[in-house]
Amino acid sequence: MDSGASHFFISVHFASCLDVIPDCMSYILDVSTPTGVTMYTDSIYRSCEMSMAGIPLYADLIVLPIRHFDVILGMDWLSTHRARMDCYNKTVDFCLPDGMSFQFKGDKGFSTPIISFI
């Protein structure tokens, strides 16, 4: 999860695992990375379902030739889902507008979702 990302992205490799054809955007997006690399894309997967703790959450994911990441979710997505990050404990707590809450916990590259109801 990238607190500075203005859009949401999916890697070309990870996108190839989806059984869906991406849409073509009406423009070419010029993406600058923190390392100074510029990438161009016009492909997007609209309303992709991501399951966290069995809860379906959705995002429009722009296809990028990135490595080392499958999906990058930005601050707008996190705030929409009322997420709170605890970097020390490597957790993200979600409190959805319908009152449901759950926790996403990362550990050495793996994640263990925990769910609870309010």
PDB file of N, CA and C in Angstrom:
ATOM      1  N   MET A   1       0.855  -1.165   0.000  1.00  0.00           N
ATOM      2  CA  MET A   1       0.000   0.000   0.000  1.00  0.00           C
ATOM      3  C   MET A   1       0.895   1.219   0.000  1.00  0.00           C
ATOM      4  N   ASP A   2       0.643   2.106  -0.911  1.00  0.00           N
ATOM      5  CA  ASP A   2       1.495   3.277  -1.097  1.00  0.00           C
ATOM      6  C   ASP A   2       0.709   4.527  -0.730  1.00  0.00           C
ATOM      7  N   SER A   3       1.125   5.196   0.328  1.00  0.00           N
ATOM      8  CA  SER A   3       0.401   6.386   0.784  1.00  0.00           C
ATOM      9  C   SER A   3       0.569   7.554  -0.176  1.00  0.00           C
ATOM     10  N   GLY A   4       1.514   7.474  -1.120  1.00  0.00           N
ATOM     11  CA  GLY A   4       1.722   8.559  -2.069  1.00  0.00           C
ATOM     12  C   GLY A   4       1.153   8.289  -3.445  1.00  0.00           C
ATOM     13  N   ALA A   5       0.626   7.119  -3.689  1.00  0.00           N
ATOM     14  CA  ALA A   5       0.107   6.779  -5.016  1.00  0.00           C
ATOM     15  C   ALA A   5      -1.202   7.520  -5.276  1.00  0.00           C
ATOM     16  N   SER A   6      -1.292   8.163  -6.436  1.00  0.00           N
ATOM     17  CA  SER A   6      -2.512   8.888  -6.794  1.00  0.00           C
ATOM     18  C   SER A   6      -3.481   8.007  -7.566  1.00  0.00           C
ATOM     19  N   HIS A   7      -3.001   6.881  -8.074  1.00  0.00           N
ATOM     20  CA  HIS A   7      -3.821   5.917  -8.791  1.00  0.00           C
ATOM     21  C   HIS A   7      -3.558   4.537  -8.188  1.00  0.00           C
ATOM     22  N   PHE A   8      -4.241   3.543  -8.695  1.00  0.00           N
ATOM     23  CA  PHE A   8      -4.070   2.181  -8.198  1.00  0.00           C
ATOM     24  C   PHE A   8      -3.574   1.334  -9.358  1.00  0.00           C
ATOM     25  N   PHE A   9      -2.599   0.477  -9.113  1.00  0.00           N
ATOM     26  CA  PHE A   9      -1.900  -0.212 -10.191  1.00  0.00           C
ATOM     27  C   PHE A   9      -1.855  -1.722  -9.988  1.00  0.00           C
ATOM     28  N   ILE A  10      -1.703  -2.433 -11.102  1.00  0.00           N
ATOM     29  CA  ILE A  10      -1.502  -3.874 -11.098  1.00  0.00           C
ATOM     30  C   ILE A  10      -0.358  -4.175 -12.057  1.00  0.00           C
ATOM     31  N   SER A  11       0.504  -5.096 -11.681  1.00  0.00           N
ATOM     32  CA  SER A  11       1.625  -5.447 -12.549  1.00  0.00           C
ATOM     33  C   SER A  11       1.137  -6.238 -13.757  1.00  0.00           C
ATOM     34  N   VAL A  12       1.873  -6.127 -14.848  1.00  0.00           N
ATOM     35  CA  VAL A  12       1.541  -6.870 -16.066  1.00  0.00           C
ATOM     36  C   VAL A  12       1.520  -8.369 -15.758  1.00  0.00           C
ATOM     37  N   HIS A  13       2.509  -8.831 -15.006  1.00  0.00           N
ATOM     38  CA  HIS A  13       2.601 -10.256 -14.683  1.00  0.00           C
ATOM     39  C   HIS A  13       1.393 -10.723 -13.875  1.00  0.00           C
ATOM     40  N   PHE A  14       1.035  -9.992 -12.840  1.00  0.00           N
ATOM     41  CA  PHE A  14      -0.095 -10.374 -12.000  1.00  0.00           C
ATOM     42  C   PHE A  14      -1.406 -10.281 -12.783  1.00  0.00           C
ATOM     43  N   ALA A  15      -1.521  -9.263 -13.636  1.00  0.00           N
ATOM     44  CA  ALA A  15      -2.725  -9.093 -14.445  1.00  0.00           C
ATOM     45  C   ALA A  15      -2.916 -10.268 -15.402  1.00  0.00           C
ATOM     46  N   SER A  16      -1.817 -10.886 -15.825  1.00  0.00           N
ATOM     47  CA  SER A  16      -1.922 -12.024 -16.746  1.00  0.00           C
ATOM     48  C   SER A  16      -2.600 -13.228 -16.078  1.00  0.00           C
ATOM     49  N   CYS A  17      -2.694 -13.219 -14.760  1.00  0.00           N
ATOM     50  CA  CYS A  17      -3.370 -14.299 -14.026  1.00  0.00           C
ATOM     51  C   CYS A  17      -4.886 -14.109 -14.008  1.00  0.00           C
ATOM     52  N   LEU A  18      -5.347 -12.918 -14.370  1.00  0.00           N
ATOM     53  CA  LEU A  18      -6.785 -12.633 -14.371  1.00  0.00           C
ATOM     54  C   LEU A  18      -7.417 -13.203 -15.630  1.00  0.00           C
ATOM     55  N   ASP A  19      -8.645 -13.618 -15.512  1.00  0.00           N
ATOM     56  CA  ASP A  19      -9.373 -14.153 -16.661  1.00  0.00           C
ATOM     57  C   ASP A  19     -10.309 -13.084 -17.212  1.00  0.00           C
ATOM     58  N   VAL A  20      -9.765 -11.872 -17.375  1.00  0.00           N
ATOM     59  CA  VAL A  20     -10.543 -10.723 -17.828  1.00  0.00           C
ATOM     60  C   VAL A  20      -9.668  -9.920 -18.793  1.00  0.00           C
ATOM     61  N   ILE A  21     -10.288  -9.301 -19.759  1.00  0.00           N
ATOM     62  CA  ILE A  21      -9.561  -8.445 -20.697  1.00  0.00           C
ATOM     63  C   ILE A  21      -9.650  -7.006 -20.190  1.00  0.00           C
ATOM     64  N   PRO A  22      -8.509  -6.287 -20.133  1.00  0.00           N
ATOM     65  CA  PRO A  22      -8.559  -4.909 -19.638  1.00  0.00           C
ATOM     66  C   PRO A  22      -9.236  -3.975 -20.638  1.00  0.00           C
ATOM     67  N   ASP A  23      -9.754  -2.866 -20.124  1.00  0.00           N
ATOM     68  CA  ASP A  23     -10.300  -1.812 -20.963  1.00  0.00           C
ATOM     69  C   ASP A  23      -9.160  -0.917 -21.428  1.00  0.00           C
ATOM     70  N   CYS A  24      -9.396  -0.238 -22.531  1.00  0.00           N
ATOM     71  CA  CYS A  24      -8.434   0.731 -23.035  1.00  0.00           C
ATOM     72  C   CYS A  24      -8.908   2.117 -22.600  1.00  0.00           C
ATOM     73  N   MET A  25      -8.026   2.865 -21.920  1.00  0.00           N
ATOM     74  CA  MET A  25      -8.383   4.216 -21.505  1.00  0.00           C
ATOM     75  C   MET A  25      -8.368   5.126 -22.738  1.00  0.00           C
ATOM     76  N   SER A  26      -9.031   6.247 -22.663  1.00  0.00           N
ATOM     77  CA  SER A  26      -9.113   7.177 -23.791  1.00  0.00           C
ATOM     78  C   SER A  26      -7.864   8.054 -23.909  1.00  0.00           C
ATOM     79  N   TYR A  27      -6.875   7.785 -23.084  1.00  0.00           N
ATOM     80  CA  TYR A  27      -5.626   8.556 -23.089  1.00  0.00           C
ATOM     81  C   TYR A  27      -4.484   7.639 -22.657  1.00  0.00           C
ATOM     82  N   ILE A  28      -3.277   8.092 -22.873  1.00  0.00           N
ATOM     83  CA  ILE A  28      -2.101   7.359 -22.391  1.00  0.00           C
ATOM     84  C   ILE A  28      -1.644   8.030 -21.104  1.00  0.00           C
ATOM     85  N   LEU A  29      -1.546   7.248 -20.049  1.00  0.00           N
ATOM     86  CA  LEU A  29      -1.131   7.756 -18.742  1.00  0.00           C
ATOM     87  C   LEU A  29       0.381   7.679 -18.628  1.00  0.00           C
ATOM     88  N   ASP A  30       0.986   8.781 -18.253  1.00  0.00           N
ATOM     89  CA  ASP A  30       2.437   8.897 -18.047  1.00  0.00           C
ATOM     90  C   ASP A  30       2.665   8.811 -16.538  1.00  0.00           C
ATOM     91  N   VAL A  31       3.283   7.717 -16.076  1.00  0.00           N
ATOM     92  CA  VAL A  31       3.479   7.482 -14.647  1.00  0.00           C
ATOM     93  C   VAL A  31       4.952   7.634 -14.298  1.00  0.00           C
ATOM     94  N   SER A  32       5.248   8.501 -13.354  1.00  0.00           N
ATOM     95  CA  SER A  32       6.615   8.678 -12.856  1.00  0.00           C
ATOM     96  C   SER A  32       6.751   7.953 -11.532  1.00  0.00           C
ATOM     97  N   THR A  33       7.778   7.135 -11.407  1.00  0.00           N
ATOM     98  CA  THR A  33       8.005   6.384 -10.174  1.00  0.00           C
ATOM     99  C   THR A  33       8.952   7.162  -9.261  1.00  0.00           C
ATOM    100  N   PRO A  34       9.012   6.792  -7.984  1.00  0.00           N
ATOM    101  CA  PRO A  34       9.940   7.463  -7.062  1.00  0.00           C
ATOM    102  C   PRO A  34      11.412   7.329  -7.474  1.00  0.00           C
ATOM    103  N   THR A  35      11.735   6.314  -8.276  1.00  0.00           N
ATOM    104  CA  THR A  35      13.119   6.134  -8.717  1.00  0.00           C
ATOM    105  C   THR A  35      13.446   6.958  -9.958  1.00  0.00           C
ATOM    106  N   GLY A  36      12.459   7.691 -10.480  1.00  0.00           N
ATOM    107  CA  GLY A  36      12.687   8.536 -11.648  1.00  0.00           C
ATOM    108  C   GLY A  36      12.372   7.862 -12.974  1.00  0.00           C
ATOM    109  N   VAL A  37      11.932   6.617 -12.939  1.00  0.00           N
ATOM    110  CA  VAL A  37      11.564   5.899 -14.154  1.00  0.00           C
ATOM    111  C   VAL A  37      10.175   6.358 -14.599  1.00  0.00           C
ATOM    112  N   THR A  38      10.000   6.546 -15.918  1.00  0.00           N
ATOM    113  CA  THR A  38       8.697   6.907 -16.466  1.00  0.00           C
ATOM    114  C   THR A  38       8.133   5.724 -17.225  1.00  0.00           C
ATOM    115  N   MET A  39       6.863   5.417 -16.975  1.00  0.00           N
ATOM    116  CA  MET A  39       6.169   4.326 -17.652  1.00  0.00           C
ATOM    117  C   MET A  39       4.907   4.876 -18.284  1.00  0.00           C
ATOM    118  N   TYR A  40       4.491   4.254 -19.381  1.00  0.00           N
ATOM    119  CA  TYR A  40       3.289   4.684 -20.098  1.00  0.00           C
ATOM    120  C   TYR A  40       2.315   3.521 -20.185  1.00  0.00           C
ATOM    121  N   THR A  41       1.033   3.837 -20.058  1.00  0.00           N
ATOM    122  CA  THR A  41       0.016   2.794 -20.147  1.00  0.00           C
ATOM    123  C   THR A  41      -1.313   3.383 -20.592  1.00  0.00           C
ATOM    124  N   ASP A  42      -2.129   2.536 -21.179  1.00  0.00           N
ATOM    125  CA  ASP A  42      -3.497   2.929 -21.509  1.00  0.00           C
ATOM    126  C   ASP A  42      -4.479   1.813 -21.170  1.00  0.00           C
ATOM    127  N   SER A  43      -4.044   0.853 -20.353  1.00  0.00           N
ATOM    128  CA  SER A  43      -4.879  -0.300 -19.985  1.00  0.00           C
ATOM    129  C   SER A  43      -5.313  -0.224 -18.531  1.00  0.00           C
ATOM    130  N   ILE A  44      -6.568  -0.602 -18.303  1.00  0.00           N
ATOM    131  CA  ILE A  44      -7.117  -0.558 -16.948  1.00  0.00           C
ATOM    132  C   ILE A  44      -8.117  -1.699 -16.754  1.00  0.00           C
ATOM    133  N   TYR A  45      -8.086  -2.287 -15.577  1.00  0.00           N
ATOM    134  CA  TYR A  45      -9.087  -3.272 -15.161  1.00  0.00           C
ATOM    135  C   TYR A  45     -10.064  -2.537 -14.255  1.00  0.00           C
ATOM    136  N   ARG A  46     -11.288  -2.402 -14.685  1.00  0.00           N
ATOM    137  CA  ARG A  46     -12.285  -1.652 -13.919  1.00  0.00           C
ATOM    138  C   ARG A  46     -13.000  -2.555 -12.902  1.00  0.00           C
ATOM    139  N   SER A  47     -13.216  -2.002 -11.734  1.00  0.00           N
ATOM    140  CA  SER A  47     -13.945  -2.678 -10.653  1.00  0.00           C
ATOM    141  C   SER A  47     -13.403  -4.068 -10.348  1.00  0.00           C
ATOM    142  N   CYS A  48     -12.078  -4.153 -10.185  1.00  0.00           N
ATOM    143  CA  CYS A  48     -11.463  -5.426  -9.806  1.00  0.00           C
ATOM    144  C   CYS A  48     -11.820  -5.754  -8.367  1.00  0.00           C
ATOM    145  N   GLU A  49     -12.243  -6.979  -8.149  1.00  0.00           N
ATOM    146  CA  GLU A  49     -12.567  -7.412  -6.800  1.00  0.00           C
ATOM    147  C   GLU A  49     -11.313  -7.957  -6.136  1.00  0.00           C
ATOM    148  N   MET A  50     -11.030  -7.443  -4.957  1.00  0.00           N
ATOM    149  CA  MET A  50      -9.942  -7.947  -4.133  1.00  0.00           C
ATOM    150  C   MET A  50     -10.576  -8.434  -2.840  1.00  0.00           C
ATOM    151  N   SER A  51     -10.201  -9.596  -2.407  1.00  0.00           N
ATOM    152  CA  SER A  51     -10.792 -10.153  -1.201  1.00  0.00           C
ATOM    153  C   SER A  51      -9.793 -10.050  -0.056  1.00  0.00           C
ATOM    154  N   MET A  52     -10.212  -9.397   1.017  1.00  0.00           N
ATOM    155  CA  MET A  52      -9.404  -9.322   2.232  1.00  0.00           C
ATOM    156  C   MET A  52     -10.265  -9.884   3.345  1.00  0.00           C
ATOM    157  N   ALA A  53      -9.790 -10.943   3.960  1.00  0.00           N
ATOM    158  CA  ALA A  53     -10.531 -11.616   5.025  1.00  0.00           C
ATOM    159  C   ALA A  53     -11.903 -12.044   4.532  1.00  0.00           C
ATOM    160  N   GLY A  54     -11.983 -12.408   3.252  1.00  0.00           N
ATOM    161  CA  GLY A  54     -13.246 -12.843   2.676  1.00  0.00           C
ATOM    162  C   GLY A  54     -14.202 -11.709   2.350  1.00  0.00           C
ATOM    163  N   ILE A  55     -13.763 -10.473   2.544  1.00  0.00           N
ATOM    164  CA  ILE A  55     -14.586  -9.301   2.268  1.00  0.00           C
ATOM    165  C   ILE A  55     -14.209  -8.775   0.883  1.00  0.00           C
ATOM    166  N   PRO A  56     -15.163  -8.660  -0.046  1.00  0.00           N
ATOM    167  CA  PRO A  56     -14.828  -8.124  -1.368  1.00  0.00           C
ATOM    168  C   PRO A  56     -14.707  -6.603  -1.334  1.00  0.00           C
ATOM    169  N   LEU A  57     -13.570  -6.108  -1.806  1.00  0.00           N
ATOM    170  CA  LEU A  57     -13.323  -4.672  -1.951  1.00  0.00           C
ATOM    171  C   LEU A  57     -12.921  -4.439  -3.404  1.00  0.00           C
ATOM    172  N   TYR A  58     -13.228  -3.275  -3.947  1.00  0.00           N
ATOM    173  CA  TYR A  58     -13.062  -3.049  -5.377  1.00  0.00           C
ATOM    174  C   TYR A  58     -12.152  -1.854  -5.669  1.00  0.00           C
ATOM    175  N   ALA A  59     -11.473  -1.938  -6.828  1.00  0.00           N
ATOM    176  CA  ALA A  59     -10.623  -0.832  -7.285  1.00  0.00           C
ATOM    177  C   ALA A  59     -10.455  -0.926  -8.790  1.00  0.00           C
ATOM    178  N   ASP A  60     -10.294   0.212  -9.429  1.00  0.00           N
ATOM    179  CA  ASP A  60      -9.902   0.268 -10.833  1.00  0.00           C
ATOM    180  C   ASP A  60      -8.383   0.210 -10.855  1.00  0.00           C
ATOM    181  N   LEU A  61      -7.822  -0.835 -11.465  1.00  0.00           N
ATOM    182  CA  LEU A  61      -6.377  -1.064 -11.445  1.00  0.00           C
ATOM    183  C   LEU A  61      -5.769  -0.798 -12.815  1.00  0.00           C
ATOM    184  N   ILE A  62      -4.827   0.117 -12.855  1.00  0.00           N
ATOM    185  CA  ILE A  62      -4.123   0.486 -14.082  1.00  0.00           C
ATOM    186  C   ILE A  62      -2.931  -0.443 -14.257  1.00  0.00           C
ATOM    187  N   VAL A  63      -2.776  -0.983 -15.463  1.00  0.00           N
ATOM    188  CA  VAL A  63      -1.714  -1.941 -15.750  1.00  0.00           C
ATOM    189  C   VAL A  63      -0.386  -1.209 -15.966  1.00  0.00           C
ATOM    190  N   LEU A  64       0.642  -1.646 -15.241  1.00  0.00           N
ATOM    191  CA  LEU A  64       1.988  -1.073 -15.377  1.00  0.00           C
ATOM    192  C   LEU A  64       3.020  -2.194 -15.432  1.00  0.00           C
ATOM    193  N   PRO A  65       4.106  -1.995 -16.163  1.00  0.00           N
ATOM    194  CA  PRO A  65       5.183  -2.993 -16.195  1.00  0.00           C
ATOM    195  C   PRO A  65       6.085  -2.847 -14.967  1.00  0.00           C
ATOM    196  N   ILE A  66       5.510  -3.057 -13.787  1.00  0.00           N
ATOM    197  CA  ILE A  66       6.268  -2.937 -12.540  1.00  0.00           C
ATOM    198  C   ILE A  66       6.717  -4.313 -12.073  1.00  0.00           C
ATOM    199  N   ARG A  67       7.781  -4.324 -11.292  1.00  0.00           N
ATOM    200  CA  ARG A  67       8.286  -5.568 -10.702  1.00  0.00           C
ATOM    201  C   ARG A  67       8.225  -5.431  -9.189  1.00  0.00           C
ATOM    202  N   HIS A  68       8.272  -6.530  -8.506  1.00  0.00           N
ATOM    203  CA  HIS A  68       8.334  -6.587  -7.041  1.00  0.00           C
ATOM    204  C   HIS A  68       7.022  -6.245  -6.351  1.00  0.00           C
ATOM    205  N   PHE A  69       6.007  -5.825  -7.096  1.00  0.00           N
ATOM    206  CA  PHE A  69       4.695  -5.543  -6.526  1.00  0.00           C
ATOM    207  C   PHE A  69       3.646  -6.152  -7.441  1.00  0.00           C
ATOM    208  N   ASP A  70       2.600  -6.739  -6.868  1.00  0.00           N
ATOM    209  CA  ASP A  70       1.485  -7.241  -7.663  1.00  0.00           C
ATOM    210  C   ASP A  70       0.445  -6.143  -7.865  1.00  0.00           C
ATOM    211  N   VAL A  71       0.074  -5.481  -6.761  1.00  0.00           N
ATOM    212  CA  VAL A  71      -0.935  -4.421  -6.780  1.00  0.00           C
ATOM    213  C   VAL A  71      -0.453  -3.297  -5.878  1.00  0.00           C
ATOM    214  N   ILE A  72      -0.676  -2.059  -6.309  1.00  0.00           N
ATOM    215  CA  ILE A  72      -0.369  -0.893  -5.484  1.00  0.00           C
ATOM    216  C   ILE A  72      -1.676  -0.141  -5.258  1.00  0.00           C
ATOM    217  N   LEU A  73      -2.057  -0.003  -3.999  1.00  0.00           N
ATOM    218  CA  LEU A  73      -3.258   0.731  -3.614  1.00  0.00           C
ATOM    219  C   LEU A  73      -2.813   2.031  -2.960  1.00  0.00           C
ATOM    220  N   GLY A  74      -3.462   3.133  -3.299  1.00  0.00           N
ATOM    221  CA  GLY A  74      -3.044   4.437  -2.802  1.00  0.00           C
ATOM    222  C   GLY A  74      -3.888   4.963  -1.658  1.00  0.00           C
ATOM    223  N   MET A  75      -3.542   6.162  -1.228  1.00  0.00           N
ATOM    224  CA  MET A  75      -4.184   6.802  -0.090  1.00  0.00           C
ATOM    225  C   MET A  75      -5.686   6.991  -0.296  1.00  0.00           C
ATOM    226  N   ASP A  76      -6.121   7.321  -1.517  1.00  0.00           N
ATOM    227  CA  ASP A  76      -7.552   7.508  -1.757  1.00  0.00           C
ATOM    228  C   ASP A  76      -8.325   6.214  -1.511  1.00  0.00           C
ATOM    229  N   TRP A  77      -7.765   5.089  -1.946  1.00  0.00           N
ATOM    230  CA  TRP A  77      -8.415   3.800  -1.738  1.00  0.00           C
ATOM    231  C   TRP A  77      -8.464   3.478  -0.239  1.00  0.00           C
ATOM    232  N   LEU A  78      -7.360   3.732   0.449  1.00  0.00           N
ATOM    233  CA  LEU A  78      -7.300   3.465   1.888  1.00  0.00           C
ATOM    234  C   LEU A  78      -8.313   4.316   2.649  1.00  0.00           C
ATOM    235  N   SER A  79      -8.419   5.597   2.293  1.00  0.00           N
ATOM    236  CA  SER A  79      -9.360   6.462   3.016  1.00  0.00           C
ATOM    237  C   SER A  79     -10.808   6.095   2.692  1.00  0.00           C
ATOM    238  N   THR A  80     -11.089   5.676   1.470  1.00  0.00           N
ATOM    239  CA  THR A  80     -12.436   5.228   1.115  1.00  0.00           C
ATOM    240  C   THR A  80     -12.867   4.055   1.979  1.00  0.00           C
ATOM    241  N   HIS A  81     -11.916   3.193   2.303  1.00  0.00           N
ATOM    242  CA  HIS A  81     -12.215   2.009   3.109  1.00  0.00           C
ATOM    243  C   HIS A  81     -11.846   2.210   4.584  1.00  0.00           C
ATOM    244  N   ARG A  82     -11.660   3.474   4.960  1.00  0.00           N
ATOM    245  CA  ARG A  82     -11.406   3.879   6.349  1.00  0.00           C
ATOM    246  C   ARG A  82     -10.290   3.062   7.000  1.00  0.00           C
ATOM    247  N   ALA A  83      -9.183   2.966   6.283  1.00  0.00           N
ATOM    248  CA  ALA A  83      -8.055   2.169   6.764  1.00  0.00           C
ATOM    249  C   ALA A  83      -7.169   2.981   7.707  1.00  0.00           C
ATOM    250  N   ARG A  84      -6.624   2.277   8.687  1.00  0.00           N
ATOM    251  CA  ARG A  84      -5.640   2.856   9.615  1.00  0.00           C
ATOM    252  C   ARG A  84      -4.448   1.924   9.640  1.00  0.00           C
ATOM    253  N   MET A  85      -3.280   2.477   9.315  1.00  0.00           N
ATOM    254  CA  MET A  85      -2.064   1.670   9.267  1.00  0.00           C
ATOM    255  C   MET A  85      -1.285   1.774  10.566  1.00  0.00           C
ATOM    256  N   ASP A  86      -0.807   0.654  11.036  1.00  0.00           N
ATOM    257  CA  ASP A  86       0.093   0.576  12.184  1.00  0.00           C
ATOM    258  C   ASP A  86       1.381  -0.044  11.662  1.00  0.00           C
ATOM    259  N   CYS A  87       2.331   0.804  11.300  1.00  0.00           N
ATOM    260  CA  CYS A  87       3.569   0.328  10.670  1.00  0.00           C
ATOM    261  C   CYS A  87       4.387  -0.538  11.621  1.00  0.00           C
ATOM    262  N   TYR A  88       4.414  -0.199  12.898  1.00  0.00           N
ATOM    263  CA  TYR A  88       5.200  -0.968  13.848  1.00  0.00           C
ATOM    264  C   TYR A  88       4.714  -2.409  13.933  1.00  0.00           C
ATOM    265  N   ASN A  89       3.396  -2.588  14.012  1.00  0.00           N
ATOM    266  CA  ASN A  89       2.824  -3.933  14.124  1.00  0.00           C
ATOM    267  C   ASN A  89       2.501  -4.568  12.774  1.00  0.00           C
ATOM    268  N   LYS A  90       2.758  -3.840  11.697  1.00  0.00           N
ATOM    269  CA  LYS A  90       2.517  -4.324  10.330  1.00  0.00           C
ATOM    270  C   LYS A  90       1.064  -4.752  10.137  1.00  0.00           C
ATOM    271  N   THR A  91       0.146  -3.878  10.563  1.00  0.00           N
ATOM    272  CA  THR A  91      -1.272  -4.165  10.406  1.00  0.00           C
ATOM    273  C   THR A  91      -1.973  -2.990   9.734  1.00  0.00           C
ATOM    274  N   VAL A  92      -3.066  -3.301   9.065  1.00  0.00           N
ATOM    275  CA  VAL A  92      -3.964  -2.281   8.537  1.00  0.00           C
ATOM    276  C   VAL A  92      -5.352  -2.659   9.031  1.00  0.00           C
ATOM    277  N   ASP A  93      -5.971  -1.749   9.764  1.00  0.00           N
ATOM    278  CA  ASP A  93      -7.320  -1.957  10.280  1.00  0.00           C
ATOM    279  C   ASP A  93      -8.305  -1.243   9.365  1.00  0.00           C
ATOM    280  N   PHE A  94      -9.344  -1.951   8.963  1.00  0.00           N
ATOM    281  CA  PHE A  94     -10.385  -1.394   8.117  1.00  0.00           C
ATOM    282  C   PHE A  94     -11.670  -1.316   8.923  1.00  0.00           C
ATOM    283  N   CYS A  95     -12.377  -0.193   8.817  1.00  0.00           N
ATOM    284  CA  CYS A  95     -13.696  -0.031   9.424  1.00  0.00           C
ATOM    285  C   CYS A  95     -14.605   0.477   8.323  1.00  0.00           C
ATOM    286  N   LEU A  96     -15.299  -0.431   7.671  1.00  0.00           N
ATOM    287  CA  LEU A  96     -16.118  -0.100   6.512  1.00  0.00           C
ATOM    288  C   LEU A  96     -17.344   0.713   6.915  1.00  0.00           C
ATOM    289  N   PRO A  97     -17.881   1.508   5.986  1.00  0.00           N
ATOM    290  CA  PRO A  97     -19.041   2.349   6.301  1.00  0.00           C
ATOM    291  C   PRO A  97     -20.243   1.584   6.851  1.00  0.00           C
ATOM    292  N   ASP A  98     -20.372   0.282   6.517  1.00  0.00           N
ATOM    293  CA  ASP A  98     -21.513  -0.492   7.026  1.00  0.00           C
ATOM    294  C   ASP A  98     -21.285  -1.002   8.449  1.00  0.00           C
ATOM    295  N   GLY A  99     -20.141  -0.635   9.066  1.00  0.00           N
ATOM    296  CA  GLY A  99     -19.869  -1.028  10.442  1.00  0.00           C
ATOM    297  C   GLY A  99     -18.982  -2.247  10.579  1.00  0.00           C
ATOM    298  N   MET A 100     -18.750  -2.975   9.501  1.00  0.00           N
ATOM    299  CA  MET A 100     -17.888  -4.154   9.564  1.00  0.00           C
ATOM    300  C   MET A 100     -16.433  -3.699   9.680  1.00  0.00           C
ATOM    301  N   SER A 101     -15.684  -4.398  10.495  1.00  0.00           N
ATOM    302  CA  SER A 101     -14.262  -4.082  10.614  1.00  0.00           C
ATOM    303  C   SER A 101     -13.454  -5.371  10.509  1.00  0.00           C
ATOM    304  N   PHE A 102     -12.231  -5.225  10.020  1.00  0.00           N
ATOM    305  CA  PHE A 102     -11.313  -6.355   9.965  1.00  0.00           C
ATOM    306  C   PHE A 102      -9.897  -5.825   9.915  1.00  0.00           C
ATOM    307  N   GLN A 103      -8.958  -6.717  10.146  1.00  0.00           N
ATOM    308  CA  GLN A 103      -7.549  -6.340  10.199  1.00  0.00           C
ATOM    309  C   GLN A 103      -6.762  -7.171   9.192  1.00  0.00           C
ATOM    310  N   PHE A 104      -5.872  -6.508   8.479  1.00  0.00           N
ATOM    311  CA  PHE A 104      -4.958  -7.152   7.552  1.00  0.00           C
ATOM    312  C   PHE A 104      -3.586  -7.091   8.199  1.00  0.00           C
ATOM    313  N   LYS A 105      -2.934  -8.238   8.408  1.00  0.00           N
ATOM    314  CA  LYS A 105      -1.637  -8.277   9.088  1.00  0.00           C
ATOM    315  C   LYS A 105      -0.585  -8.844   8.160  1.00  0.00           C
ATOM    316  N   GLY A 106       0.497  -8.106   7.981  1.00  0.00           N
ATOM    317  CA  GLY A 106       1.619  -8.558   7.165  1.00  0.00           C
ATOM    318  C   GLY A 106       2.711  -9.133   8.048  1.00  0.00           C
ATOM    319  N   ASP A 107       3.383 -10.171   7.548  1.00  0.00           N
ATOM    320  CA  ASP A 107       4.459 -10.787   8.317  1.00  0.00           C
ATOM    321  C   ASP A 107       5.460 -11.412   7.354  1.00  0.00           C
ATOM    322  N   LYS A 108       6.616 -10.772   7.209  1.00  0.00           N
ATOM    323  CA  LYS A 108       7.699 -11.298   6.373  1.00  0.00           C
ATOM    324  C   LYS A 108       7.230 -11.638   4.966  1.00  0.00           C
ATOM    325  N   GLY A 109       6.487 -10.724   4.358  1.00  0.00           N
ATOM    326  CA  GLY A 109       6.057 -10.928   2.995  1.00  0.00           C
ATOM    327  C   GLY A 109       4.765 -11.696   2.843  1.00  0.00           C
ATOM    328  N   PHE A 110       4.206 -12.186   3.930  1.00  0.00           N
ATOM    329  CA  PHE A 110       2.948 -12.913   3.878  1.00  0.00           C
ATOM    330  C   PHE A 110       1.904 -12.127   4.661  1.00  0.00           C
ATOM    331  N   SER A 111       0.657 -12.341   4.371  1.00  0.00           N
ATOM    332  CA  SER A 111      -0.385 -11.630   5.097  1.00  0.00           C
ATOM    333  C   SER A 111      -1.354 -12.623   5.731  1.00  0.00           C
ATOM    334  N   THR A 112      -1.840 -12.225   6.888  1.00  0.00           N
ATOM    335  CA  THR A 112      -2.826 -13.029   7.599  1.00  0.00           C
ATOM    336  C   THR A 112      -3.997 -12.149   7.943  1.00  0.00           C
ATOM    337  N   PRO A 113      -5.097 -12.223   7.184  1.00  0.00           N
ATOM    338  CA  PRO A 113      -6.250 -11.380   7.506  1.00  0.00           C
ATOM    339  C   PRO A 113      -7.000 -11.901   8.727  1.00  0.00           C
ATOM    340  N   ILE A 114      -7.450 -10.966   9.522  1.00  0.00           N
ATOM    341  CA  ILE A 114      -8.248 -11.282  10.711  1.00  0.00           C
ATOM    342  C   ILE A 114      -9.546 -10.504  10.571  1.00  0.00           C
ATOM    343  N   ILE A 115     -10.679 -11.114  10.878  1.00  0.00           N
ATOM    344  CA  ILE A 115     -11.957 -10.425  10.714  1.00  0.00           C
ATOM    345  C   ILE A 115     -12.718 -10.388  12.028  1.00  0.00           C
ATOM    346  N   SER A 116     -13.390  -9.264  12.243  1.00  0.00           N
ATOM    347  CA  SER A 116     -14.284  -9.161  13.390  1.00  0.00           C
ATOM    348  C   SER A 116     -15.467  -8.279  13.002  1.00  0.00           C
ATOM    349  N   PHE A 117     -16.548  -8.359  13.731  1.00  0.00           N
ATOM    350  CA  PHE A 117     -17.729  -7.569  13.458  1.00  0.00           C
ATOM    351  C   PHE A 117     -18.028  -6.686  14.651  1.00  0.00           C
ATOM    352  N   ILE A 118     -18.453  -5.483  14.385  1.00  0.00           N
ATOM    353  CA  ILE A 118     -18.799  -4.528  15.454  1.00  0.00           C
ATOM    354  C   ILE A 118     -20.258  -4.685  15.803  1.00  0.00           C
TER     355      ILE A 118
END
